[in-house]
Amino acid sequence: MELKITQNIKPEDLMQGISWHGETNHDNEAVEKLKELNVFVSDLVAKIFFFQLQMEQVATNQNNQSAKKLSEEAEKMLENVVKMATKEENWGAIPELFKGESND
């Protein structure tokens, strides 16, 4: 049997229980939740990255416009992820990083 469940999740939901209290047990629980979130987010970003590469290939090899749009949107998302983890003064280098990826 297969069940389909739709759930709207907000960033606040994922951050629930992640805070500093200065109390060892609570802080250790927060560390464990951060580790779990790290695995989840890393897996998600990796899947988006491989999806973007796949759509880029389809767009190039089959001249498919919808694949091109999907690739571009996925790339925008990946660029935003990089920006979130980069100091603003270094944002200018980000397009070059992605340009290098698509030339390989």
PDB file of N, CA and C in Angstrom:
ATOM      1  N   MET A   1       0.839  -1.169   0.000  1.00  0.00           N
ATOM      2  CA  MET A   1       0.000   0.000   0.000  1.00  0.00           C
ATOM      3  C   MET A   1       0.890   1.239   0.000  1.00  0.00           C
ATOM      4  N   GLU A   2       0.456   2.235  -0.728  1.00  0.00           N
ATOM      5  CA  GLU A   2       1.193   3.487  -0.810  1.00  0.00           C
ATOM      6  C   GLU A   2       0.272   4.617  -0.372  1.00  0.00           C
ATOM      7  N   LEU A   3       0.784   5.472   0.506  1.00  0.00           N
ATOM      8  CA  LEU A   3       0.043   6.635   0.963  1.00  0.00           C
ATOM      9  C   LEU A   3       0.710   7.886   0.454  1.00  0.00           C
ATOM     10  N   LYS A   4      -0.089   8.793  -0.024  1.00  0.00           N
ATOM     11  CA  LYS A   4       0.454  10.065  -0.464  1.00  0.00           C
ATOM     12  C   LYS A   4       0.081  11.118   0.577  1.00  0.00           C
ATOM     13  N   ILE A   5       1.102  11.731   1.153  1.00  0.00           N
ATOM     14  CA  ILE A   5       0.893  12.741   2.180  1.00  0.00           C
ATOM     15  C   ILE A   5       1.554  14.028   1.711  1.00  0.00           C
ATOM     16  N   THR A   6       0.803  15.098   1.738  1.00  0.00           N
ATOM     17  CA  THR A   6       1.343  16.400   1.368  1.00  0.00           C
ATOM     18  C   THR A   6       1.490  17.222   2.635  1.00  0.00           C
ATOM     19  N   GLN A   7       2.658  17.800   2.812  1.00  0.00           N
ATOM     20  CA  GLN A   7       2.936  18.582   4.015  1.00  0.00           C
ATOM     21  C   GLN A   7       3.673  19.843   3.617  1.00  0.00           C
ATOM     22  N   ASN A   8       3.223  20.964   4.090  1.00  0.00           N
ATOM     23  CA  ASN A   8       3.935  22.219   3.876  1.00  0.00           C
ATOM     24  C   ASN A   8       4.917  22.401   5.019  1.00  0.00           C
ATOM     25  N   ILE A   9       6.179  22.550   4.682  1.00  0.00           N
ATOM     26  CA  ILE A   9       7.224  22.695   5.691  1.00  0.00           C
ATOM     27  C   ILE A   9       7.900  24.035   5.496  1.00  0.00           C
ATOM     28  N   LYS A  10       8.019  24.762   6.572  1.00  0.00           N
ATOM     29  CA  LYS A  10       8.679  26.073   6.559  1.00  0.00           C
ATOM     30  C   LYS A  10      10.071  25.924   7.168  1.00  0.00           C
ATOM     31  N   PRO A  11      10.968  26.861   6.859  1.00  0.00           N
ATOM     32  CA  PRO A  11      12.303  26.801   7.467  1.00  0.00           C
ATOM     33  C   PRO A  11      12.251  26.735   8.996  1.00  0.00           C
ATOM     34  N   GLU A  12      11.295  27.434   9.579  1.00  0.00           N
ATOM     35  CA  GLU A  12      11.157  27.422  11.039  1.00  0.00           C
ATOM     36  C   GLU A  12      10.870  26.019  11.572  1.00  0.00           C
ATOM     37  N   ASP A  13      10.141  25.235  10.788  1.00  0.00           N
ATOM     38  CA  ASP A  13       9.845  23.856  11.182  1.00  0.00           C
ATOM     39  C   ASP A  13      11.128  23.028  11.270  1.00  0.00           C
ATOM     40  N   LEU A  14      12.001  23.219  10.279  1.00  0.00           N
ATOM     41  CA  LEU A  14      13.256  22.471  10.260  1.00  0.00           C
ATOM     42  C   LEU A  14      14.209  22.931  11.358  1.00  0.00           C
ATOM     43  N   MET A  15      14.074  24.180  11.773  1.00  0.00           N
ATOM     44  CA  MET A  15      14.955  24.734  12.804  1.00  0.00           C
ATOM     45  C   MET A  15      14.428  24.501  14.230  1.00  0.00           C
ATOM     46  N   GLN A  16      13.270  23.899  14.333  1.00  0.00           N
ATOM     47  CA  GLN A  16      12.673  23.673  15.644  1.00  0.00           C
ATOM     48  C   GLN A  16      13.607  22.854  16.531  1.00  0.00           C
ATOM     49  N   GLY A  17      13.865  23.368  17.717  1.00  0.00           N
ATOM     50  CA  GLY A  17      14.748  22.700  18.673  1.00  0.00           C
ATOM     51  C   GLY A  17      16.217  23.026  18.491  1.00  0.00           C
ATOM     52  N   ILE A  18      16.530  23.859  17.514  1.00  0.00           N
ATOM     53  CA  ILE A  18      17.923  24.230  17.292  1.00  0.00           C
ATOM     54  C   ILE A  18      18.125  25.637  17.825  1.00  0.00           C
ATOM     55  N   SER A  19      18.734  25.679  18.987  1.00  0.00           N
ATOM     56  CA  SER A  19      19.053  26.963  19.626  1.00  0.00           C
ATOM     57  C   SER A  19      20.096  26.701  20.709  1.00  0.00           C
ATOM     58  N   TRP A  20      20.648  27.766  21.234  1.00  0.00           N
ATOM     59  CA  TRP A  20      21.635  27.634  22.304  1.00  0.00           C
ATOM     60  C   TRP A  20      20.986  28.045  23.611  1.00  0.00           C
ATOM     61  N   HIS A  21      21.081  27.184  24.597  1.00  0.00           N
ATOM     62  CA  HIS A  21      20.534  27.478  25.913  1.00  0.00           C
ATOM     63  C   HIS A  21      21.617  27.528  26.976  1.00  0.00           C
ATOM     64  N   GLY A  22      22.814  27.084  26.641  1.00  0.00           N
ATOM     65  CA  GLY A  22      23.873  27.042  27.639  1.00  0.00           C
ATOM     66  C   GLY A  22      23.700  25.869  28.598  1.00  0.00           C
ATOM     67  N   GLU A  23      22.849  24.938  28.237  1.00  0.00           N
ATOM     68  CA  GLU A  23      22.597  23.756  29.059  1.00  0.00           C
ATOM     69  C   GLU A  23      23.007  22.553  28.218  1.00  0.00           C
ATOM     70  N   THR A  24      23.906  21.735  28.735  1.00  0.00           N
ATOM     71  CA  THR A  24      24.563  20.685  27.953  1.00  0.00           C
ATOM     72  C   THR A  24      23.593  19.757  27.230  1.00  0.00           C
ATOM     73  N   ASN A  25      22.601  19.232  27.912  1.00  0.00           N
ATOM     74  CA  ASN A  25      21.693  18.277  27.255  1.00  0.00           C
ATOM     75  C   ASN A  25      20.943  18.925  26.102  1.00  0.00           C
ATOM     76  N   HIS A  26      20.410  20.115  26.328  1.00  0.00           N
ATOM     77  CA  HIS A  26      19.681  20.817  25.261  1.00  0.00           C
ATOM     78  C   HIS A  26      20.616  21.138  24.098  1.00  0.00           C
ATOM     79  N   ASP A  27      21.797  21.617  24.414  1.00  0.00           N
ATOM     80  CA  ASP A  27      22.743  21.980  23.364  1.00  0.00           C
ATOM     81  C   ASP A  27      23.198  20.748  22.579  1.00  0.00           C
ATOM     82  N   ASN A  28      23.369  19.621  23.251  1.00  0.00           N
ATOM     83  CA  ASN A  28      23.729  18.379  22.559  1.00  0.00           C
ATOM     84  C   ASN A  28      22.614  17.929  21.619  1.00  0.00           C
ATOM     85  N   GLU A  29      21.359  18.085  22.035  1.00  0.00           N
ATOM     86  CA  GLU A  29      20.227  17.753  21.176  1.00  0.00           C
ATOM     87  C   GLU A  29      20.217  18.667  19.948  1.00  0.00           C
ATOM     88  N   ALA A  30      20.520  19.950  20.156  1.00  0.00           N
ATOM     89  CA  ALA A  30      20.576  20.896  19.042  1.00  0.00           C
ATOM     90  C   ALA A  30      21.678  20.506  18.061  1.00  0.00           C
ATOM     91  N   VAL A  31      22.816  20.067  18.576  1.00  0.00           N
ATOM     92  CA  VAL A  31      23.920  19.626  17.714  1.00  0.00           C
ATOM     93  C   VAL A  31      23.473  18.432  16.874  1.00  0.00           C
ATOM     94  N   GLU A  32      22.800  17.476  17.489  1.00  0.00           N
ATOM     95  CA  GLU A  32      22.329  16.300  16.754  1.00  0.00           C
ATOM     96  C   GLU A  32      21.316  16.684  15.680  1.00  0.00           C
ATOM     97  N   LYS A  33      20.425  17.613  15.996  1.00  0.00           N
ATOM     98  CA  LYS A  33      19.455  18.073  15.008  1.00  0.00           C
ATOM     99  C   LYS A  33      20.155  18.779  13.846  1.00  0.00           C
ATOM    100  N   LEU A  34      21.188  19.567  14.148  1.00  0.00           N
ATOM    101  CA  LEU A  34      21.959  20.224  13.087  1.00  0.00           C
ATOM    102  C   LEU A  34      22.648  19.196  12.191  1.00  0.00           C
ATOM    103  N   LYS A  35      23.169  18.130  12.787  1.00  0.00           N
ATOM    104  CA  LYS A  35      23.801  17.071  11.996  1.00  0.00           C
ATOM    105  C   LYS A  35      22.793  16.424  11.046  1.00  0.00           C
ATOM    106  N   GLU A  36      21.589  16.155  11.561  1.00  0.00           N
ATOM    107  CA  GLU A  36      20.544  15.566  10.727  1.00  0.00           C
ATOM    108  C   GLU A  36      20.144  16.522   9.600  1.00  0.00           C
ATOM    109  N   LEU A  37      20.017  17.786   9.940  1.00  0.00           N
ATOM    110  CA  LEU A  37      19.658  18.795   8.946  1.00  0.00           C
ATOM    111  C   LEU A  37      20.753  18.931   7.892  1.00  0.00           C
ATOM    112  N   ASN A  38      22.000  18.816   8.310  1.00  0.00           N
ATOM    113  CA  ASN A  38      23.133  18.872   7.380  1.00  0.00           C
ATOM    114  C   ASN A  38      23.027  17.751   6.344  1.00  0.00           C
ATOM    115  N   VAL A  39      22.723  16.548   6.789  1.00  0.00           N
ATOM    116  CA  VAL A  39      22.590  15.415   5.879  1.00  0.00           C
ATOM    117  C   VAL A  39      21.437  15.661   4.904  1.00  0.00           C
ATOM    118  N   PHE A  40      20.309  16.134   5.433  1.00  0.00           N
ATOM    119  CA  PHE A  40      19.132  16.389   4.608  1.00  0.00           C
ATOM    120  C   PHE A  40      19.411  17.446   3.546  1.00  0.00           C
ATOM    121  N   VAL A  41      19.942  18.586   3.967  1.00  0.00           N
ATOM    122  CA  VAL A  41      20.200  19.694   3.045  1.00  0.00           C
ATOM    123  C   VAL A  41      21.278  19.308   2.029  1.00  0.00           C
ATOM    124  N   SER A  42      22.323  18.641   2.483  1.00  0.00           N
ATOM    125  CA  SER A  42      23.388  18.210   1.567  1.00  0.00           C
ATOM    126  C   SER A  42      22.846  17.274   0.499  1.00  0.00           C
ATOM    127  N   ASP A  43      21.994  16.339   0.901  1.00  0.00           N
ATOM    128  CA  ASP A  43      21.390  15.403  -0.042  1.00  0.00           C
ATOM    129  C   ASP A  43      20.505  16.150  -1.038  1.00  0.00           C
ATOM    130  N   LEU A  44      19.720  17.087  -0.557  1.00  0.00           N
ATOM    131  CA  LEU A  44      18.846  17.866  -1.416  1.00  0.00           C
ATOM    132  C   LEU A  44      19.641  18.668  -2.441  1.00  0.00           C
ATOM    133  N   VAL A  45      20.677  19.361  -1.993  1.00  0.00           N
ATOM    134  CA  VAL A  45      21.490  20.177  -2.899  1.00  0.00           C
ATOM    135  C   VAL A  45      22.194  19.284  -3.928  1.00  0.00           C
ATOM    136  N   ALA A  46      22.675  18.136  -3.510  1.00  0.00           N
ATOM    137  CA  ALA A  46      23.326  17.207  -4.451  1.00  0.00           C
ATOM    138  C   ALA A  46      22.338  16.733  -5.506  1.00  0.00           C
ATOM    139  N   LYS A  47      21.118  16.430  -5.095  1.00  0.00           N
ATOM    140  CA  LYS A  47      20.103  15.975  -6.052  1.00  0.00           C
ATOM    141  C   LYS A  47      19.756  17.091  -7.043  1.00  0.00           C
ATOM    142  N   ILE A  48      19.668  18.318  -6.558  1.00  0.00           N
ATOM    143  CA  ILE A  48      19.388  19.450  -7.448  1.00  0.00           C
ATOM    144  C   ILE A  48      20.546  19.650  -8.419  1.00  0.00           C
ATOM    145  N   PHE A  49      21.776  19.514  -7.932  1.00  0.00           N
ATOM    146  CA  PHE A  49      22.953  19.666  -8.781  1.00  0.00           C
ATOM    147  C   PHE A  49      22.942  18.631  -9.911  1.00  0.00           C
ATOM    148  N   PHE A  50      22.702  17.376  -9.578  1.00  0.00           N
ATOM    149  CA  PHE A  50      22.702  16.336 -10.610  1.00  0.00           C
ATOM    150  C   PHE A  50      21.514  16.497 -11.559  1.00  0.00           C
ATOM    151  N   PHE A  51      20.377  16.959 -11.035  1.00  0.00           N
ATOM    152  CA  PHE A  51      19.227  17.245 -11.879  1.00  0.00           C
ATOM    153  C   PHE A  51      19.564  18.354 -12.879  1.00  0.00           C
ATOM    154  N   GLN A  52      20.226  19.397 -12.394  1.00  0.00           N
ATOM    155  CA  GLN A  52      20.613  20.511 -13.260  1.00  0.00           C
ATOM    156  C   GLN A  52      21.537  20.028 -14.375  1.00  0.00           C
ATOM    157  N   LEU A  53      22.515  19.202 -14.034  1.00  0.00           N
ATOM    158  CA  LEU A  53      23.424  18.657 -15.051  1.00  0.00           C
ATOM    159  C   LEU A  53      22.672  17.820 -16.078  1.00  0.00           C
ATOM    160  N   GLN A  54      21.743  17.008 -15.599  1.00  0.00           N
ATOM    161  CA  GLN A  54      20.959  16.161 -16.493  1.00  0.00           C
ATOM    162  C   GLN A  54      20.116  17.011 -17.439  1.00  0.00           C
ATOM    163  N   MET A  55      19.454  18.027 -16.909  1.00  0.00           N
ATOM    164  CA  MET A  55      18.619  18.878 -17.749  1.00  0.00           C
ATOM    165  C   MET A  55      19.459  19.673 -18.747  1.00  0.00           C
ATOM    166  N   GLU A  56      20.648  20.072 -18.335  1.00  0.00           N
ATOM    167  CA  GLU A  56      21.557  20.774 -19.245  1.00  0.00           C
ATOM    168  C   GLU A  56      21.927  19.870 -20.418  1.00  0.00           C
ATOM    169  N   GLN A  57      22.197  18.599 -20.129  1.00  0.00           N
ATOM    170  CA  GLN A  57      22.521  17.627 -21.180  1.00  0.00           C
ATOM    171  C   GLN A  57      21.349  17.443 -22.141  1.00  0.00           C
ATOM    172  N   VAL A  58      20.146  17.282 -21.585  1.00  0.00           N
ATOM    173  CA  VAL A  58      18.958  17.096 -22.424  1.00  0.00           C
ATOM    174  C   VAL A  58      18.731  18.336 -23.280  1.00  0.00           C
ATOM    175  N   ALA A  59      18.859  19.510 -22.665  1.00  0.00           N
ATOM    176  CA  ALA A  59      18.647  20.760 -23.401  1.00  0.00           C
ATOM    177  C   ALA A  59      19.639  20.884 -24.549  1.00  0.00           C
ATOM    178  N   THR A  60      20.877  20.492 -24.310  1.00  0.00           N
ATOM    179  CA  THR A  60      21.919  20.594 -25.332  1.00  0.00           C
ATOM    180  C   THR A  60      21.754  19.526 -26.409  1.00  0.00           C
ATOM    181  N   ASN A  61      21.596  18.287 -26.001  1.00  0.00           N
ATOM    182  CA  ASN A  61      21.548  17.175 -26.954  1.00  0.00           C
ATOM    183  C   ASN A  61      20.254  17.098 -27.747  1.00  0.00           C
ATOM    184  N   GLN A  62      19.155  17.511 -27.129  1.00  0.00           N
ATOM    185  CA  GLN A  62      17.853  17.386 -27.791  1.00  0.00           C
ATOM    186  C   GLN A  62      17.234  18.738 -28.133  1.00  0.00           C
ATOM    187  N   ASN A  63      17.965  19.803 -27.846  1.00  0.00           N
ATOM    188  CA  ASN A  63      17.463  21.155 -28.092  1.00  0.00           C
ATOM    189  C   ASN A  63      16.068  21.332 -27.486  1.00  0.00           C
ATOM    190  N   ASN A  64      15.931  20.913 -26.229  1.00  0.00           N
ATOM    191  CA  ASN A  64      14.642  20.915 -25.538  1.00  0.00           C
ATOM    192  C   ASN A  64      14.521  22.156 -24.667  1.00  0.00           C
ATOM    193  N   GLN A  65      13.531  22.990 -24.959  1.00  0.00           N
ATOM    194  CA  GLN A  65      13.369  24.258 -24.250  1.00  0.00           C
ATOM    195  C   GLN A  65      12.913  24.082 -22.800  1.00  0.00           C
ATOM    196  N   SER A  66      12.037  23.127 -22.527  1.00  0.00           N
ATOM    197  CA  SER A  66      11.599  22.939 -21.149  1.00  0.00           C
ATOM    198  C   SER A  66      12.745  22.427 -20.281  1.00  0.00           C
ATOM    199  N   ALA A  67      13.594  21.569 -20.836  1.00  0.00           N
ATOM    200  CA  ALA A  67      14.771  21.108 -20.096  1.00  0.00           C
ATOM    201  C   ALA A  67      15.723  22.270 -19.842  1.00  0.00           C
ATOM    202  N   LYS A  68      15.836  23.167 -20.811  1.00  0.00           N
ATOM    203  CA  LYS A  68      16.687  24.345 -20.643  1.00  0.00           C
ATOM    204  C   LYS A  68      16.171  25.221 -19.506  1.00  0.00           C
ATOM    205  N   LYS A  69      14.852  25.438 -19.456  1.00  0.00           N
ATOM    206  CA  LYS A  69      14.261  26.242 -18.382  1.00  0.00           C
ATOM    207  C   LYS A  69      14.482  25.579 -17.021  1.00  0.00           C
ATOM    208  N   LEU A  70      14.298  24.271 -16.970  1.00  0.00           N
ATOM    209  CA  LEU A  70      14.525  23.539 -15.722  1.00  0.00           C
ATOM    210  C   LEU A  70      15.977  23.650 -15.281  1.00  0.00           C
ATOM    211  N   SER A  71      16.893  23.506 -16.218  1.00  0.00           N
ATOM    212  CA  SER A  71      18.315  23.618 -15.918  1.00  0.00           C
ATOM    213  C   SER A  71      18.648  25.005 -15.385  1.00  0.00           C
ATOM    214  N   GLU A  72      18.123  26.033 -16.040  1.00  0.00           N
ATOM    215  CA  GLU A  72      18.389  27.414 -15.617  1.00  0.00           C
ATOM    216  C   GLU A  72      17.844  27.685 -14.218  1.00  0.00           C
ATOM    217  N   GLU A  73      16.637  27.194 -13.936  1.00  0.00           N
ATOM    218  CA  GLU A  73      16.034  27.421 -12.624  1.00  0.00           C
ATOM    219  C   GLU A  73      16.807  26.680 -11.536  1.00  0.00           C
ATOM    220  N   ALA A  74      17.222  25.463 -11.816  1.00  0.00           N
ATOM    221  CA  ALA A  74      18.022  24.698 -10.853  1.00  0.00           C
ATOM    222  C   ALA A  74      19.360  25.393 -10.617  1.00  0.00           C
ATOM    223  N   GLU A  75      19.960  25.929 -11.684  1.00  0.00           N
ATOM    224  CA  GLU A  75      21.233  26.636 -11.529  1.00  0.00           C
ATOM    225  C   GLU A  75      21.069  27.887 -10.679  1.00  0.00           C
ATOM    226  N   LYS A  76      19.967  28.609 -10.868  1.00  0.00           N
ATOM    227  CA  LYS A  76      19.692  29.794 -10.035  1.00  0.00           C
ATOM    228  C   LYS A  76      19.613  29.403  -8.562  1.00  0.00           C
ATOM    229  N   MET A  77      18.950  28.284  -8.297  1.00  0.00           N
ATOM    230  CA  MET A  77      18.824  27.829  -6.917  1.00  0.00           C
ATOM    231  C   MET A  77      20.194  27.494  -6.335  1.00  0.00           C
ATOM    232  N   LEU A  78      21.010  26.797  -7.110  1.00  0.00           N
ATOM    233  CA  LEU A  78      22.351  26.442  -6.643  1.00  0.00           C
ATOM    234  C   LEU A  78      23.203  27.688  -6.410  1.00  0.00           C
ATOM    235  N   GLU A  79      23.081  28.675  -7.295  1.00  0.00           N
ATOM    236  CA  GLU A  79      23.808  29.930  -7.100  1.00  0.00           C
ATOM    237  C   GLU A  79      23.370  30.614  -5.812  1.00  0.00           C
ATOM    238  N   ASN A  80      22.073  30.579  -5.520  1.00  0.00           N
ATOM    239  CA  ASN A  80      21.579  31.174  -4.275  1.00  0.00           C
ATOM    240  C   ASN A  80      22.118  30.448  -3.045  1.00  0.00           C
ATOM    241  N   VAL A  81      22.232  29.140  -3.138  1.00  0.00           N
ATOM    242  CA  VAL A  81      22.795  28.364  -2.022  1.00  0.00           C
ATOM    243  C   VAL A  81      24.242  28.789  -1.781  1.00  0.00           C
ATOM    244  N   VAL A  82      25.003  28.941  -2.867  1.00  0.00           N
ATOM    245  CA  VAL A  82      26.398  29.368  -2.747  1.00  0.00           C
ATOM    246  C   VAL A  82      26.462  30.779  -2.147  1.00  0.00           C
ATOM    247  N   LYS A  83      25.582  31.664  -2.601  1.00  0.00           N
ATOM    248  CA  LYS A  83      25.568  33.027  -2.062  1.00  0.00           C
ATOM    249  C   LYS A  83      25.301  33.033  -0.563  1.00  0.00           C
ATOM    250  N   MET A  84      24.396  32.168  -0.124  1.00  0.00           N
ATOM    251  CA  MET A  84      24.065  32.116   1.306  1.00  0.00           C
ATOM    252  C   MET A  84      25.256  31.706   2.156  1.00  0.00           C
ATOM    253  N   ALA A  85      26.197  31.004   1.538  1.00  0.00           N
ATOM    254  CA  ALA A  85      27.361  30.515   2.281  1.00  0.00           C
ATOM    255  C   ALA A  85      28.634  31.285   1.930  1.00  0.00           C
ATOM    256  N   THR A  86      28.475  32.445   1.287  1.00  0.00           N
ATOM    257  CA  THR A  86      29.620  33.233   0.830  1.00  0.00           C
ATOM    258  C   THR A  86      29.450  34.675   1.270  1.00  0.00           C
ATOM    259  N   LYS A  87      30.544  35.291   1.672  1.00  0.00           N
ATOM    260  CA  LYS A  87      30.487  36.709   2.019  1.00  0.00           C
ATOM    261  C   LYS A  87      30.095  37.515   0.785  1.00  0.00           C
ATOM    262  N   GLU A  88      29.302  38.551   1.009  1.00  0.00           N
ATOM    263  CA  GLU A  88      28.758  39.326  -0.102  1.00  0.00           C
ATOM    264  C   GLU A  88      29.838  39.902  -1.009  1.00  0.00           C
ATOM    265  N   GLU A  89      30.964  40.278  -0.451  1.00  0.00           N
ATOM    266  CA  GLU A  89      32.018  40.857  -1.288  1.00  0.00           C
ATOM    267  C   GLU A  89      32.611  39.847  -2.268  1.00  0.00           C
ATOM    268  N   ASN A  90      32.328  38.558  -2.087  1.00  0.00           N
ATOM    269  CA  ASN A  90      32.837  37.526  -2.997  1.00  0.00           C
ATOM    270  C   ASN A  90      31.795  37.030  -3.996  1.00  0.00           C
ATOM    271  N   TRP A  91      30.596  37.599  -3.967  1.00  0.00           N
ATOM    272  CA  TRP A  91      29.529  37.147  -4.857  1.00  0.00           C
ATOM    273  C   TRP A  91      29.878  37.290  -6.322  1.00  0.00           C
ATOM    274  N   GLY A  92      30.711  38.253  -6.677  1.00  0.00           N
ATOM    275  CA  GLY A  92      31.079  38.466  -8.076  1.00  0.00           C
ATOM    276  C   GLY A  92      31.756  37.261  -8.703  1.00  0.00           C
ATOM    277  N   ALA A  93      32.408  36.438  -7.894  1.00  0.00           N
ATOM    278  CA  ALA A  93      33.115  35.261  -8.420  1.00  0.00           C
ATOM    279  C   ALA A  93      32.180  34.083  -8.677  1.00  0.00           C
ATOM    280  N   ILE A  94      30.976  34.125  -8.164  1.00  0.00           N
ATOM    281  CA  ILE A  94      30.070  32.978  -8.265  1.00  0.00           C
ATOM    282  C   ILE A  94      29.700  32.645  -9.713  1.00  0.00           C
ATOM    283  N   PRO A  95      29.329  33.610 -10.540  1.00  0.00           N
ATOM    284  CA  PRO A  95      29.000  33.244 -11.936  1.00  0.00           C
ATOM    285  C   PRO A  95      30.152  32.534 -12.652  1.00  0.00           C
ATOM    286  N   GLU A  96      31.383  32.911 -12.359  1.00  0.00           N
ATOM    287  CA  GLU A  96      32.538  32.248 -12.972  1.00  0.00           C
ATOM    288  C   GLU A  96      32.628  30.780 -12.544  1.00  0.00           C
ATOM    289  N   LEU A  97      32.292  30.508 -11.289  1.00  0.00           N
ATOM    290  CA  LEU A  97      32.305  29.128 -10.812  1.00  0.00           C
ATOM    291  C   LEU A  97      31.319  28.281 -11.619  1.00  0.00           C
ATOM    292  N   PHE A  98      30.131  28.813 -11.824  1.00  0.00           N
ATOM    293  CA  PHE A  98      29.114  28.067 -12.559  1.00  0.00           C
ATOM    294  C   PHE A  98      29.436  27.997 -14.044  1.00  0.00           C
ATOM    295  N   LYS A  99      30.029  29.038 -14.582  1.00  0.00           N
ATOM    296  CA  LYS A  99      30.434  29.042 -15.980  1.00  0.00           C
ATOM    297  C   LYS A  99      31.438  27.925 -16.233  1.00  0.00           C
ATOM    298  N   GLY A 100      32.357  27.739 -15.292  1.00  0.00           N
ATOM    299  CA  GLY A 100      33.354  26.668 -15.406  1.00  0.00           C
ATOM    300  C   GLY A 100      32.731  25.300 -15.376  1.00  0.00           C
ATOM    301  N   GLU A 101      31.657  25.140 -14.573  1.00  0.00           N
ATOM    302  CA  GLU A 101      30.976  23.845 -14.483  1.00  0.00           C
ATOM    303  C   GLU A 101      30.332  23.458 -15.803  1.00  0.00           C
ATOM    304  N   SER A 102      29.712  24.415 -16.469  1.00  0.00           N
ATOM    305  CA  SER A 102      28.990  24.075 -17.689  1.00  0.00           C
ATOM    306  C   SER A 102      29.895  23.917 -18.903  1.00  0.00           C
ATOM    307  N   ASN A 103      31.152  24.295 -18.788  1.00  0.00           N
ATOM    308  CA  ASN A 103      32.090  24.142 -19.898  1.00  0.00           C
ATOM    309  C   ASN A 103      32.815  22.806 -19.873  1.00  0.00           C
ATOM    310  N   ASP A 104      32.665  22.042 -18.801  1.00  0.00           N
ATOM    311  CA  ASP A 104      33.378  20.758 -18.689  1.00  0.00           C
ATOM    312  C   ASP A 104      32.788  19.713 -19.593  1.00  0.00           C
TER     313      ASP A 104
END
